[in-house]
């Protein structure tokens, strides 16, 4: 198996965006709710990588806003 076949088909930013668009909660979605959706829709996802990517995306992106410590929404 080469690296292309073992790699995820979707990036974590795409997974998180899909989750937030689908959940569509007014005040933002909790980290747990986002993870439940991501894990159900993308079974290849990894929890530790998800947490690291969520934190990184929230700090440096222009589409994800951290509402409070564990709630996120789209900008």
N, C-alpha and C. Protein backbone atom coordinates (compact mmCIF):
# COMPACT_ATOMS: atom_id res chain seq x y z
N UNK A 1 0.83 -1.19 0.00
CA UNK A 1 0.00 0.00 0.00
C UNK A 1 0.87 1.25 0.00
N UNK A 2 0.57 2.16 -0.87
CA UNK A 2 1.34 3.40 -0.87
C UNK A 2 0.65 4.45 -0.02
N UNK A 3 1.30 5.57 0.15
CA UNK A 3 0.78 6.62 1.04
C UNK A 3 -0.52 7.22 0.53
N UNK A 4 -0.74 7.24 -0.76
CA UNK A 4 -1.95 7.83 -1.31
C UNK A 4 -3.20 7.05 -0.91
N UNK A 5 -3.12 5.72 -0.85
CA UNK A 5 -4.31 4.94 -0.52
C UNK A 5 -4.58 4.93 0.98
N UNK A 6 -3.56 5.11 1.82
CA UNK A 6 -3.78 5.11 3.26
C UNK A 6 -4.17 6.48 3.78
N UNK A 7 -3.99 7.50 2.99
CA UNK A 7 -4.30 8.86 3.41
C UNK A 7 -5.80 9.10 3.35
N UNK A 8 -6.30 9.96 4.25
CA UNK A 8 -7.72 10.29 4.27
C UNK A 8 -8.13 10.97 2.97
N UNK A 9 -9.35 10.74 2.57
CA UNK A 9 -9.86 11.36 1.36
C UNK A 9 -10.23 12.81 1.60
N UNK A 10 -10.59 13.14 2.84
CA UNK A 10 -11.01 14.49 3.18
C UNK A 10 -10.06 15.09 4.22
N UNK A 11 -9.82 16.38 4.10
CA UNK A 11 -9.00 17.04 5.12
C UNK A 11 -9.86 17.31 6.34
N UNK A 12 -9.22 17.52 7.47
CA UNK A 12 -9.97 17.78 8.69
C UNK A 12 -10.71 19.11 8.61
N UNK A 13 -10.18 20.08 7.90
CA UNK A 13 -10.90 21.34 7.76
C UNK A 13 -12.20 21.13 6.97
N UNK A 14 -12.17 20.28 5.94
CA UNK A 14 -13.39 19.96 5.20
C UNK A 14 -14.39 19.22 6.09
N UNK A 15 -13.90 18.29 6.90
CA UNK A 15 -14.77 17.53 7.79
C UNK A 15 -15.44 18.46 8.80
N UNK A 16 -14.66 19.38 9.37
CA UNK A 16 -15.18 20.30 10.38
C UNK A 16 -16.18 21.26 9.75
N UNK A 17 -15.88 21.77 8.57
CA UNK A 17 -16.82 22.65 7.88
C UNK A 17 -18.14 21.93 7.59
N UNK A 18 -18.05 20.71 7.12
CA UNK A 18 -19.25 19.92 6.82
C UNK A 18 -20.08 19.72 8.08
N UNK A 19 -19.40 19.41 9.18
CA UNK A 19 -20.11 19.19 10.45
C UNK A 19 -20.82 20.45 10.90
N UNK A 20 -20.14 21.59 10.85
CA UNK A 20 -20.75 22.83 11.30
C UNK A 20 -21.90 23.26 10.41
N UNK A 21 -21.76 23.07 9.11
CA UNK A 21 -22.85 23.41 8.20
C UNK A 21 -24.07 22.52 8.42
N UNK A 22 -23.84 21.25 8.68
CA UNK A 22 -24.93 20.31 8.88
C UNK A 22 -25.59 20.50 10.24
N UNK A 23 -24.80 20.68 11.29
CA UNK A 23 -25.35 20.86 12.63
C UNK A 23 -26.12 22.18 12.73
N UNK A 24 -25.56 23.24 12.14
CA UNK A 24 -26.23 24.54 12.01
C UNK A 24 -26.85 25.05 13.31
N UNK A 25 -26.09 25.01 14.38
CA UNK A 25 -26.58 25.51 15.66
C UNK A 25 -26.32 27.01 15.76
N UNK A 26 -27.28 27.72 16.28
CA UNK A 26 -27.23 29.18 16.30
C UNK A 26 -26.03 29.73 17.08
N UNK A 27 -25.79 29.22 18.26
CA UNK A 27 -24.70 29.71 19.10
C UNK A 27 -23.38 29.01 18.86
N UNK A 28 -23.34 28.12 17.89
CA UNK A 28 -22.14 27.34 17.62
C UNK A 28 -22.32 25.91 18.11
N UNK A 29 -21.43 25.06 17.68
CA UNK A 29 -21.50 23.64 18.04
C UNK A 29 -20.35 23.29 18.97
N UNK A 30 -20.63 22.40 19.90
CA UNK A 30 -19.60 21.98 20.84
C UNK A 30 -18.59 21.07 20.14
N UNK A 31 -17.43 20.98 20.73
CA UNK A 31 -16.38 20.10 20.21
C UNK A 31 -16.88 18.67 20.15
N UNK A 32 -17.61 18.24 21.17
CA UNK A 32 -18.13 16.87 21.21
C UNK A 32 -19.14 16.62 20.09
N UNK A 33 -20.02 17.59 19.85
CA UNK A 33 -21.02 17.42 18.79
C UNK A 33 -20.34 17.36 17.42
N UNK A 34 -19.33 18.19 17.23
CA UNK A 34 -18.59 18.18 15.97
C UNK A 34 -17.90 16.83 15.79
N UNK A 35 -17.26 16.34 16.86
CA UNK A 35 -16.57 15.05 16.77
C UNK A 35 -17.55 13.91 16.47
N UNK A 36 -18.71 13.90 17.13
CA UNK A 36 -19.70 12.84 16.88
C UNK A 36 -20.10 12.81 15.41
N UNK A 37 -20.33 13.99 14.84
CA UNK A 37 -20.72 14.06 13.44
C UNK A 37 -19.58 13.59 12.54
N UNK A 38 -18.38 14.11 12.79
CA UNK A 38 -17.21 13.76 11.96
C UNK A 38 -16.95 12.26 12.02
N UNK A 39 -16.99 11.70 13.21
CA UNK A 39 -16.70 10.27 13.36
C UNK A 39 -17.78 9.41 12.69
N UNK A 40 -19.03 9.85 12.75
CA UNK A 40 -20.11 9.08 12.11
C UNK A 40 -20.02 9.15 10.59
N UNK A 41 -19.71 10.33 10.07
CA UNK A 41 -19.69 10.49 8.61
C UNK A 41 -18.36 10.07 7.99
N UNK A 42 -17.27 10.25 8.70
CA UNK A 42 -15.93 9.92 8.21
C UNK A 42 -15.27 8.94 9.18
N UNK A 43 -15.55 7.65 9.08
CA UNK A 43 -15.03 6.67 10.05
C UNK A 43 -13.50 6.57 10.07
N UNK A 44 -12.84 7.06 9.03
CA UNK A 44 -11.38 7.00 9.01
C UNK A 44 -10.74 8.07 9.88
N UNK A 45 -11.55 8.97 10.45
CA UNK A 45 -11.01 10.07 11.26
C UNK A 45 -10.43 9.55 12.58
N UNK A 46 -9.46 10.29 13.08
CA UNK A 46 -8.77 9.94 14.32
C UNK A 46 -9.01 11.05 15.33
N UNK A 47 -9.39 10.69 16.56
CA UNK A 47 -9.77 11.68 17.57
C UNK A 47 -8.62 12.62 17.92
N UNK A 48 -7.43 12.08 18.13
CA UNK A 48 -6.30 12.93 18.51
C UNK A 48 -5.94 13.91 17.39
N UNK A 49 -5.96 13.43 16.17
CA UNK A 49 -5.69 14.32 15.04
C UNK A 49 -6.80 15.35 14.88
N UNK A 50 -8.03 14.93 15.12
CA UNK A 50 -9.15 15.86 15.06
C UNK A 50 -8.96 17.00 16.04
N UNK A 51 -8.61 16.69 17.28
CA UNK A 51 -8.40 17.73 18.30
C UNK A 51 -7.28 18.68 17.91
N UNK A 52 -6.19 18.13 17.43
CA UNK A 52 -5.05 18.96 17.04
C UNK A 52 -5.42 19.87 15.86
N UNK A 53 -6.10 19.32 14.88
CA UNK A 53 -6.50 20.12 13.71
C UNK A 53 -7.54 21.18 14.08
N UNK A 54 -8.48 20.83 14.94
CA UNK A 54 -9.50 21.78 15.36
C UNK A 54 -8.86 22.98 16.06
N UNK A 55 -7.93 22.70 16.94
CA UNK A 55 -7.23 23.77 17.64
C UNK A 55 -6.43 24.64 16.67
N UNK A 56 -5.72 24.00 15.76
CA UNK A 56 -4.91 24.72 14.79
C UNK A 56 -5.77 25.56 13.86
N UNK A 57 -6.88 25.00 13.40
CA UNK A 57 -7.78 25.71 12.49
C UNK A 57 -8.42 26.90 13.21
N UNK A 58 -8.81 26.70 14.47
CA UNK A 58 -9.46 27.78 15.22
C UNK A 58 -8.50 28.94 15.46
N UNK A 59 -7.22 28.65 15.63
CA UNK A 59 -6.24 29.72 15.90
C UNK A 59 -5.85 30.47 14.64
N UNK A 60 -5.79 29.79 13.51
CA UNK A 60 -5.22 30.44 12.34
C UNK A 60 -6.09 30.55 11.11
N UNK A 61 -7.36 30.23 11.22
CA UNK A 61 -8.19 30.26 10.02
C UNK A 61 -9.08 31.49 10.01
N UNK A 62 -9.66 31.73 8.87
CA UNK A 62 -10.58 32.85 8.75
C UNK A 62 -12.03 32.38 8.63
N UNK A 63 -12.29 31.08 8.73
CA UNK A 63 -13.65 30.59 8.60
C UNK A 63 -14.20 30.02 9.90
N UNK A 64 -13.36 29.72 10.87
CA UNK A 64 -13.80 29.10 12.12
C UNK A 64 -13.55 30.05 13.27
N UNK A 65 -14.57 30.24 14.09
CA UNK A 65 -14.46 31.14 15.24
C UNK A 65 -14.72 30.35 16.50
N UNK A 66 -13.88 30.55 17.50
CA UNK A 66 -14.09 29.92 18.80
C UNK A 66 -14.98 30.83 19.62
N UNK A 67 -16.19 30.37 19.94
CA UNK A 67 -17.14 31.18 20.69
C UNK A 67 -16.74 31.23 22.15
N UNK A 68 -16.51 30.08 22.74
CA UNK A 68 -15.93 29.99 24.08
C UNK A 68 -14.98 28.81 24.09
N UNK A 69 -14.62 28.34 25.23
CA UNK A 69 -13.55 27.35 25.33
C UNK A 69 -13.77 26.12 24.44
N UNK A 70 -14.99 25.62 24.34
CA UNK A 70 -15.20 24.39 23.56
C UNK A 70 -16.36 24.49 22.58
N UNK A 71 -16.72 25.69 22.19
CA UNK A 71 -17.78 25.88 21.21
C UNK A 71 -17.24 26.64 20.01
N UNK A 72 -17.60 26.16 18.82
CA UNK A 72 -17.08 26.73 17.58
C UNK A 72 -18.22 27.02 16.62
N UNK A 73 -18.03 28.02 15.76
CA UNK A 73 -19.00 28.28 14.71
C UNK A 73 -18.27 28.85 13.50
N UNK A 74 -18.96 28.83 12.36
CA UNK A 74 -18.39 29.37 11.14
C UNK A 74 -18.47 30.89 11.17
N UNK A 75 -17.48 31.54 10.61
CA UNK A 75 -17.44 33.00 10.57
C UNK A 75 -18.40 33.55 9.54
